[in-house]
PDB file of N, CA and C in Angstrom:
ATOM      1  N   MET A   1      -7.413 -12.530   4.023  1.00  0.00           N
ATOM      2  CA  MET A   1      -6.094 -11.996   3.709  1.00  0.00           C
ATOM      3  C   MET A   1      -5.572 -12.697   2.461  1.00  0.00           C
ATOM      4  N   ARG A   2      -4.899 -11.916   1.642  1.00  0.00           N
ATOM      5  CA  ARG A   2      -4.255 -12.507   0.478  1.00  0.00           C
ATOM      6  C   ARG A   2      -3.086 -11.645   0.047  1.00  0.00           C
ATOM      7  N   ARG A   3      -2.092 -12.282  -0.514  1.00  0.00           N
ATOM      8  CA  ARG A   3      -0.911 -11.578  -0.995  1.00  0.00           C
ATOM      9  C   ARG A   3      -1.257 -10.841  -2.287  1.00  0.00           C
ATOM     10  N   VAL A   4      -0.728  -9.639  -2.407  1.00  0.00           N
ATOM     11  CA  VAL A   4      -0.953  -8.840  -3.610  1.00  0.00           C
ATOM     12  C   VAL A   4       0.310  -8.063  -3.963  1.00  0.00           C
ATOM     13  N   GLY A   5       0.386  -7.686  -5.207  1.00  0.00           N
ATOM     14  CA  GLY A   5       1.360  -6.703  -5.637  1.00  0.00           C
ATOM     15  C   GLY A   5       0.620  -5.371  -5.689  1.00  0.00           C
ATOM     16  N   PHE A   6       1.315  -4.263  -5.500  1.00  0.00           N
ATOM     17  CA  PHE A   6       0.637  -2.975  -5.581  1.00  0.00           C
ATOM     18  C   PHE A   6       1.618  -1.885  -5.959  1.00  0.00           C
ATOM     19  N   SER A   7       1.074  -0.812  -6.504  1.00  0.00           N
ATOM     20  CA  SER A   7       1.849   0.400  -6.753  1.00  0.00           C
ATOM     21  C   SER A   7       0.947   1.583  -6.426  1.00  0.00           C
ATOM     22  N   ILE A   8       1.565   2.680  -6.044  1.00  0.00           N
ATOM     23  CA  ILE A   8       0.818   3.883  -5.674  1.00  0.00           C
ATOM     24  C   ILE A   8       1.321   5.042  -6.524  1.00  0.00           C
ATOM     25  N   ASP A   9       0.425   5.587  -7.313  1.00  0.00           N
ATOM     26  CA  ASP A   9       0.771   6.715  -8.191  1.00  0.00           C
ATOM     27  C   ASP A   9       2.084   6.483  -8.932  1.00  0.00           C
ATOM     28  N   GLY A  10       2.277   5.272  -9.436  1.00  0.00           N
ATOM     29  CA  GLY A  10       3.469   4.963 -10.215  1.00  0.00           C
ATOM     30  C   GLY A  10       4.673   4.512  -9.412  1.00  0.00           C
ATOM     31  N   HIS A  11       4.607   4.566  -8.078  1.00  0.00           N
ATOM     32  CA  HIS A  11       5.700   4.065  -7.243  1.00  0.00           C
ATOM     33  C   HIS A  11       5.460   2.580  -7.001  1.00  0.00           C
ATOM     34  N   GLY A  12       6.434   1.776  -7.252  1.00  0.00           N
ATOM     35  CA  GLY A  12       6.299   0.339  -7.078  1.00  0.00           C
ATOM     36  C   GLY A  12       6.865  -0.367  -8.294  1.00  0.00           C
ATOM     37  N   PRO A  13       6.652  -1.638  -8.415  1.00  0.00           N
ATOM     38  CA  PRO A  13       5.717  -2.451  -7.638  1.00  0.00           C
ATOM     39  C   PRO A  13       6.296  -2.867  -6.294  1.00  0.00           C
ATOM     40  N   PHE A  14       5.369  -3.080  -5.351  1.00  0.00           N
ATOM     41  CA  PHE A  14       5.695  -3.573  -4.023  1.00  0.00           C
ATOM     42  C   PHE A  14       4.846  -4.806  -3.750  1.00  0.00           C
ATOM     43  N   GLU A  15       5.105  -5.471  -2.645  1.00  0.00           N
ATOM     44  CA  GLU A  15       4.288  -6.608  -2.230  1.00  0.00           C
ATOM     45  C   GLU A  15       3.674  -6.318  -0.881  1.00  0.00           C
ATOM     46  N   GLY A  16       2.461  -6.839  -0.663  1.00  0.00           N
ATOM     47  CA  GLY A  16       1.787  -6.647   0.605  1.00  0.00           C
ATOM     48  C   GLY A  16       0.695  -7.673   0.806  1.00  0.00           C
ATOM     49  N   ILE A  17      -0.077  -7.481   1.872  1.00  0.00           N
ATOM     50  CA  ILE A  17      -1.198  -8.352   2.224  1.00  0.00           C
ATOM     51  C   ILE A  17      -2.461  -7.507   2.205  1.00  0.00           C
ATOM     52  N   MET A  18      -3.474  -7.945   1.439  1.00  0.00           N
ATOM     53  CA  MET A  18      -4.735  -7.219   1.364  1.00  0.00           C
ATOM     54  C   MET A  18      -5.695  -7.779   2.404  1.00  0.00           C
ATOM     55  N   LYS A  19      -6.321  -6.860   3.176  1.00  0.00           N
ATOM     56  CA  LYS A  19      -7.252  -7.229   4.243  1.00  0.00           C
ATOM     57  C   LYS A  19      -8.472  -6.320   4.167  1.00  0.00           C
ATOM     58  N   PHE A  20      -9.590  -6.780   4.694  1.00  0.00           N
ATOM     59  CA  PHE A  20     -10.764  -5.925   4.788  1.00  0.00           C
ATOM     60  C   PHE A  20     -10.616  -5.051   6.025  1.00  0.00           C
ATOM     61  N   ALA A  21     -11.008  -3.786   5.901  1.00  0.00           N
ATOM     62  CA  ALA A  21     -10.941  -2.838   7.016  1.00  0.00           C
ATOM     63  C   ALA A  21     -12.365  -2.536   7.447  1.00  0.00           C
ATOM     64  N   THR A  22     -12.759  -1.291   7.468  1.00  0.00           N
ATOM     65  CA  THR A  22     -14.119  -0.911   7.809  1.00  0.00           C
ATOM     66  C   THR A  22     -15.009  -1.150   6.593  1.00  0.00           C
ATOM     67  N   PRO A  23     -16.331  -1.148   6.757  1.00  0.00           N
ATOM     68  CA  PRO A  23     -17.220  -1.380   5.603  1.00  0.00           C
ATOM     69  C   PRO A  23     -16.917  -0.403   4.464  1.00  0.00           C
ATOM     70  N   GLY A  24     -16.727  -0.955   3.278  1.00  0.00           N
ATOM     71  CA  GLY A  24     -16.434  -0.148   2.107  1.00  0.00           C
ATOM     72  C   GLY A  24     -14.965   0.175   1.911  1.00  0.00           C
ATOM     73  N   GLU A  25     -14.123  -0.215   2.867  1.00  0.00           N
ATOM     74  CA  GLU A  25     -12.693   0.057   2.759  1.00  0.00           C
ATOM     75  C   GLU A  25     -11.889  -1.237   2.851  1.00  0.00           C
ATOM     76  N   ILE A  26     -10.799  -1.249   2.127  1.00  0.00           N
ATOM     77  CA  ILE A  26      -9.873  -2.383   2.119  1.00  0.00           C
ATOM     78  C   ILE A  26      -8.496  -1.797   2.385  1.00  0.00           C
ATOM     79  N   LEU A  27      -7.613  -2.578   2.963  1.00  0.00           N
ATOM     80  CA  LEU A  27      -6.257  -2.077   3.166  1.00  0.00           C
ATOM     81  C   LEU A  27      -5.238  -3.065   2.655  1.00  0.00           C
ATOM     82  N   VAL A  28      -4.098  -2.520   2.268  1.00  0.00           N
ATOM     83  CA  VAL A  28      -2.942  -3.326   1.909  1.00  0.00           C
ATOM     84  C   VAL A  28      -1.861  -2.988   2.918  1.00  0.00           C
ATOM     85  N   GLU A  29      -1.468  -3.984   3.682  1.00  0.00           N
ATOM     86  CA  GLU A  29      -0.396  -3.800   4.661  1.00  0.00           C
ATOM     87  C   GLU A  29       0.920  -4.183   4.005  1.00  0.00           C
ATOM     88  N   PHE A  30       1.949  -3.378   4.256  1.00  0.00           N
ATOM     89  CA  PHE A  30       3.258  -3.660   3.677  1.00  0.00           C
ATOM     90  C   PHE A  30       4.319  -3.622   4.753  1.00  0.00           C
ATOM     91  N   ILE A  31       5.342  -4.423   4.541  1.00  0.00           N
ATOM     92  CA  ILE A  31       6.441  -4.517   5.502  1.00  0.00           C
ATOM     93  C   ILE A  31       7.746  -4.316   4.753  1.00  0.00           C
ATOM     94  N   ALA A  32       8.517  -3.363   5.219  1.00  0.00           N
ATOM     95  CA  ALA A  32       9.869  -3.115   4.718  1.00  0.00           C
ATOM     96  C   ALA A  32       9.928  -2.957   3.201  1.00  0.00           C
ATOM     97  N   ILE A  33       9.094  -2.040   2.661  1.00  0.00           N
ATOM     98  CA  ILE A  33       9.186  -1.767   1.233  1.00  0.00           C
ATOM     99  C   ILE A  33      10.211  -0.663   0.996  1.00  0.00           C
ATOM    100  N   PRO A  34      10.866  -0.667  -0.158  1.00  0.00           N
ATOM    101  CA  PRO A  34      11.904   0.332  -0.436  1.00  0.00           C
ATOM    102  C   PRO A  34      11.292   1.663  -0.880  1.00  0.00           C
ATOM    103  N   ALA A  35      10.749   2.419   0.065  1.00  0.00           N
ATOM    104  CA  ALA A  35      10.111   3.701  -0.231  1.00  0.00           C
ATOM    105  C   ALA A  35      10.159   4.578   1.018  1.00  0.00           C
ATOM    106  N   ARG A  36       9.887   5.854   0.818  1.00  0.00           N
ATOM    107  CA  ARG A  36       9.799   6.818   1.915  1.00  0.00           C
ATOM    108  C   ARG A  36       8.357   7.308   2.007  1.00  0.00           C
ATOM    109  N   ALA A  37       7.933   7.743   3.175  1.00  0.00           N
ATOM    110  CA  ALA A  37       6.577   8.265   3.355  1.00  0.00           C
ATOM    111  C   ALA A  37       6.319   9.418   2.394  1.00  0.00           C
ATOM    112  N   GLU A  38       7.339  10.214   2.121  1.00  0.00           N
ATOM    113  CA  GLU A  38       7.180  11.342   1.204  1.00  0.00           C
ATOM    114  C   GLU A  38       6.769  10.884  -0.198  1.00  0.00           C
ATOM    115  N   ASP A  39       7.179   9.672  -0.579  1.00  0.00           N
ATOM    116  CA  ASP A  39       6.813   9.140  -1.893  1.00  0.00           C
ATOM    117  C   ASP A  39       5.299   8.990  -2.026  1.00  0.00           C
ATOM    118  N   PHE A  40       4.617   8.788  -0.897  1.00  0.00           N
ATOM    119  CA  PHE A  40       3.179   8.541  -0.915  1.00  0.00           C
ATOM    120  C   PHE A  40       2.365   9.751  -0.472  1.00  0.00           C
ATOM    121  N   ALA A  41       3.007  10.871  -0.198  1.00  0.00           N
ATOM    122  CA  ALA A  41       2.288  12.076   0.229  1.00  0.00           C
ATOM    123  C   ALA A  41       1.341  12.506  -0.884  1.00  0.00           C
ATOM    124  N   GLY A  42       0.086  12.705  -0.527  1.00  0.00           N
ATOM    125  CA  GLY A  42      -0.909  13.099  -1.515  1.00  0.00           C
ATOM    126  C   GLY A  42      -1.292  11.984  -2.473  1.00  0.00           C
ATOM    127  N   ALA A  43      -1.055  10.738  -2.077  1.00  0.00           N
ATOM    128  CA  ALA A  43      -1.363   9.589  -2.936  1.00  0.00           C
ATOM    129  C   ALA A  43      -2.829   9.615  -3.349  1.00  0.00           C
ATOM    130  N   ARG A  44      -3.076   9.302  -4.613  1.00  0.00           N
ATOM    131  CA  ARG A  44      -4.431   9.360  -5.129  1.00  0.00           C
ATOM    132  C   ARG A  44      -4.951   8.012  -5.619  1.00  0.00           C
ATOM    133  N   THR A  45      -4.075   7.171  -6.176  1.00  0.00           N
ATOM    134  CA  THR A  45      -4.540   5.924  -6.766  1.00  0.00           C
ATOM    135  C   THR A  45      -3.618   4.773  -6.402  1.00  0.00           C
ATOM    136  N   ILE A  46      -4.217   3.652  -6.055  1.00  0.00           N
ATOM    137  CA  ILE A  46      -3.465   2.423  -5.830  1.00  0.00           C
ATOM    138  C   ILE A  46      -3.850   1.444  -6.930  1.00  0.00           C
ATOM    139  N   ARG A  47      -2.872   0.760  -7.469  1.00  0.00           N
ATOM    140  CA  ARG A  47      -3.117  -0.315  -8.436  1.00  0.00           C
ATOM    141  C   ARG A  47      -2.756  -1.607  -7.725  1.00  0.00           C
ATOM    142  N   VAL A  48      -3.732  -2.500  -7.604  1.00  0.00           N
ATOM    143  CA  VAL A  48      -3.560  -3.747  -6.865  1.00  0.00           C
ATOM    144  C   VAL A  48      -3.585  -4.914  -7.843  1.00  0.00           C
ATOM    145  N   THR A  49      -2.647  -5.843  -7.676  1.00  0.00           N
ATOM    146  CA  THR A  49      -2.577  -7.031  -8.509  1.00  0.00           C
ATOM    147  C   THR A  49      -2.658  -8.269  -7.624  1.00  0.00           C
ATOM    148  N   PRO A  50      -3.900  -8.780  -7.391  1.00  0.00           N
ATOM    149  CA  PRO A  50      -4.051 -10.002  -6.604  1.00  0.00           C
ATOM    150  C   PRO A  50      -3.463 -11.194  -7.362  1.00  0.00           C
ATOM    151  N   GLU A  51      -3.072 -12.230  -6.626  1.00  0.00           N
ATOM    152  CA  GLU A  51      -2.472 -13.409  -7.252  1.00  0.00           C
ATOM    153  C   GLU A  51      -3.434 -14.112  -8.203  1.00  0.00           C
ATOM    154  N   ASP A  52      -4.719 -14.117  -7.874  1.00  0.00           N
ATOM    155  CA  ASP A  52      -5.664 -14.934  -8.635  1.00  0.00           C
ATOM    156  C   ASP A  52      -6.775 -14.131  -9.313  1.00  0.00           C
ATOM    157  N   GLU A  53      -6.585 -12.826  -9.478  1.00  0.00           N
ATOM    158  CA  GLU A  53      -7.591 -11.979 -10.105  1.00  0.00           C
ATOM    159  C   GLU A  53      -6.927 -10.970 -11.029  1.00  0.00           C
ATOM    160  N   ASP A  54      -7.754 -10.288 -11.804  1.00  0.00           N
ATOM    161  CA  ASP A  54      -7.245  -9.215 -12.652  1.00  0.00           C
ATOM    162  C   ASP A  54      -6.850  -8.017 -11.794  1.00  0.00           C
ATOM    163  N   PRO A  55      -5.844  -7.266 -12.231  1.00  0.00           N
ATOM    164  CA  PRO A  55      -5.457  -6.045 -11.510  1.00  0.00           C
ATOM    165  C   PRO A  55      -6.597  -5.027 -11.537  1.00  0.00           C
ATOM    166  N   PHE A  56      -6.632  -4.159 -10.530  1.00  0.00           N
ATOM    167  CA  PHE A  56      -7.626  -3.092 -10.492  1.00  0.00           C
ATOM    168  C   PHE A  56      -7.016  -1.852  -9.863  1.00  0.00           C
ATOM    169  N   GLU A  57      -7.626  -0.696 -10.138  1.00  0.00           N
ATOM    170  CA  GLU A  57      -7.215   0.558  -9.537  1.00  0.00           C
ATOM    171  C   GLU A  57      -8.324   1.065  -8.636  1.00  0.00           C
ATOM    172  N   ALA A  58      -7.944   1.768  -7.572  1.00  0.00           N
ATOM    173  CA  ALA A  58      -8.919   2.287  -6.615  1.00  0.00           C
ATOM    174  C   ALA A  58      -8.386   3.581  -6.011  1.00  0.00           C
ATOM    175  N   PRO A  59      -9.298   4.442  -5.532  1.00  0.00           N
ATOM    176  CA  PRO A  59      -8.855   5.681  -4.893  1.00  0.00           C
ATOM    177  C   PRO A  59      -8.289   5.420  -3.490  1.00  0.00           C
ATOM    178  N   VAL A  60      -7.174   6.068  -3.190  1.00  0.00           N
ATOM    179  CA  VAL A  60      -6.538   5.950  -1.873  1.00  0.00           C
ATOM    180  C   VAL A  60      -7.288   6.831  -0.880  1.00  0.00           C
ATOM    181  N   VAL A  61      -7.593   6.272   0.290  1.00  0.00           N
ATOM    182  CA  VAL A  61      -8.215   7.033   1.375  1.00  0.00           C
ATOM    183  C   VAL A  61      -7.118   7.632   2.251  1.00  0.00           C
ATOM    184  N   ARG A  62      -6.142   6.796   2.643  1.00  0.00           N
ATOM    185  CA  ARG A  62      -5.020   7.281   3.440  1.00  0.00           C
ATOM    186  C   ARG A  62      -3.873   6.270   3.404  1.00  0.00           C
ATOM    187  N   VAL A  63      -2.684   6.777   3.650  1.00  0.00           N
ATOM    188  CA  VAL A  63      -1.483   5.954   3.783  1.00  0.00           C
ATOM    189  C   VAL A  63      -0.943   6.210   5.177  1.00  0.00           C
ATOM    190  N   THR A  64      -0.695   5.148   5.919  1.00  0.00           N
ATOM    191  CA  THR A  64      -0.174   5.269   7.277  1.00  0.00           C
ATOM    192  C   THR A  64       1.103   4.460   7.398  1.00  0.00           C
ATOM    193  N   THR A  65       2.138   5.090   7.937  1.00  0.00           N
ATOM    194  CA  THR A  65       3.358   4.347   8.242  1.00  0.00           C
ATOM    195  C   THR A  65       3.401   4.152   9.746  1.00  0.00           C
ATOM    196  N   TYR A  66       3.906   3.034  10.175  1.00  0.00           N
ATOM    197  CA  TYR A  66       3.947   2.731  11.599  1.00  0.00           C
ATOM    198  C   TYR A  66       4.920   3.658  12.298  1.00  0.00           C
ATOM    199  N   GLY A  67       4.360   4.613  13.029  1.00  0.00           N
ATOM    200  CA  GLY A  67       5.181   5.563  13.761  1.00  0.00           C
ATOM    201  C   GLY A  67       6.011   6.439  12.845  1.00  0.00           C
ATOM    202  N   GLY A  68       5.586   6.552  11.567  1.00  0.00           N
ATOM    203  CA  GLY A  68       6.379   7.323  10.627  1.00  0.00           C
ATOM    204  C   GLY A  68       7.713   6.662  10.359  1.00  0.00           C
ATOM    205  N   GLN A  69       7.777   5.370  10.581  1.00  0.00           N
ATOM    206  CA  GLN A  69       9.045   4.656  10.498  1.00  0.00           C
ATOM    207  C   GLN A  69       9.595   4.598   9.092  1.00  0.00           C
ATOM    208  N   TYR A  70      10.815   4.991   8.962  1.00  0.00           N
ATOM    209  CA  TYR A  70      11.601   4.766   7.759  1.00  0.00           C
ATOM    210  C   TYR A  70      12.954   4.323   8.267  1.00  0.00           C
ATOM    211  N   ASP A  71      13.347   3.152   7.915  1.00  0.00           N
ATOM    212  CA  ASP A  71      14.620   2.619   8.374  1.00  0.00           C
ATOM    213  C   ASP A  71      15.708   3.097   7.416  1.00  0.00           C
ATOM    214  N   ASP A  72      16.408   4.149   7.808  1.00  0.00           N
ATOM    215  CA  ASP A  72      17.434   4.715   6.937  1.00  0.00           C
ATOM    216  C   ASP A  72      18.528   3.708   6.617  1.00  0.00           C
ATOM    217  N   ALA A  73      18.874   2.879   7.568  1.00  0.00           N
ATOM    218  CA  ALA A  73      19.942   1.912   7.337  1.00  0.00           C
ATOM    219  C   ALA A  73      19.550   0.910   6.255  1.00  0.00           C
ATOM    220  N   ALA A  74      18.300   0.446   6.301  1.00  0.00           N
ATOM    221  CA  ALA A  74      17.846  -0.540   5.319  1.00  0.00           C
ATOM    222  C   ALA A  74      17.176   0.119   4.112  1.00  0.00           C
ATOM    223  N   GLY A  75      16.784   1.375   4.238  1.00  0.00           N
ATOM    224  CA  GLY A  75      16.112   2.065   3.141  1.00  0.00           C
ATOM    225  C   GLY A  75      14.700   1.571   2.909  1.00  0.00           C
ATOM    226  N   THR A  76      13.990   1.227   4.002  1.00  0.00           N
ATOM    227  CA  THR A  76      12.637   0.675   3.881  1.00  0.00           C
ATOM    228  C   THR A  76      11.676   1.323   4.871  1.00  0.00           C
ATOM    229  N   MET A  77      10.362   1.144   4.620  1.00  0.00           N
ATOM    230  CA  MET A  77       9.339   1.574   5.573  1.00  0.00           C
ATOM    231  C   MET A  77       8.234   0.532   5.647  1.00  0.00           C
ATOM    232  N   THR A  78       7.441   0.617   6.719  1.00  0.00           N
ATOM    233  CA  THR A  78       6.370  -0.332   6.991  1.00  0.00           C
ATOM    234  C   THR A  78       5.098   0.439   7.298  1.00  0.00           C
ATOM    235  N   GLY A  79       3.948  -0.069   6.862  1.00  0.00           N
ATOM    236  CA  GLY A  79       2.682   0.600   7.130  1.00  0.00           C
ATOM    237  C   GLY A  79       1.541  -0.027   6.356  1.00  0.00           C
ATOM    238  N   TYR A  80       0.541   0.795   6.009  1.00  0.00           N
ATOM    239  CA  TYR A  80      -0.583   0.280   5.230  1.00  0.00           C
ATOM    240  C   TYR A  80      -1.240   1.392   4.427  1.00  0.00           C
ATOM    241  N   VAL A  81      -1.965   0.977   3.384  1.00  0.00           N
ATOM    242  CA  VAL A  81      -2.704   1.880   2.514  1.00  0.00           C
ATOM    243  C   VAL A  81      -4.180   1.482   2.588  1.00  0.00           C
ATOM    244  N   VAL A  82      -5.053   2.416   2.880  1.00  0.00           N
ATOM    245  CA  VAL A  82      -6.492   2.157   2.901  1.00  0.00           C
ATOM    246  C   VAL A  82      -7.085   2.730   1.618  1.00  0.00           C
ATOM    247  N   PHE A  83      -7.941   1.936   0.969  1.00  0.00           N
ATOM    248  CA  PHE A  83      -8.582   2.401  -0.256  1.00  0.00           C
ATOM    249  C   PHE A  83     -10.013   1.930  -0.316  1.00  0.00           C
ATOM    250  N   GLN A  84     -10.777   2.538  -1.229  1.00  0.00           N
ATOM    251  CA  GLN A  84     -12.190   2.168  -1.418  1.00  0.00           C
ATOM    252  C   GLN A  84     -12.312   1.411  -2.719  1.00  0.00           C
ATOM    253  N   ARG A  85     -13.202   0.451  -2.677  1.00  0.00           N
ATOM    254  CA  ARG A  85     -13.412  -0.315  -3.909  1.00  0.00           C
ATOM    255  C   ARG A  85     -14.881  -0.409  -4.193  1.00  0.00           C
TER     256      ARG A  85
END
């Protein structure tokens, strides 16, 4: 796990935690970012900026929000983005 900055199709920057998922896939988990699930509908590219490496872009496999949660009061959502590298 490592902290990263990320943006999806120009939305961002946000902060999250990058983790390995299934073989060939990596995910960035995010908590309470100022975005709506609709902002990521049809997402195609994630740009990841690790703390200790050069930024890179990768194709998005899927974006999942926890229970479709969007906290209207706080204006945030929580979930993860799976991508291939």
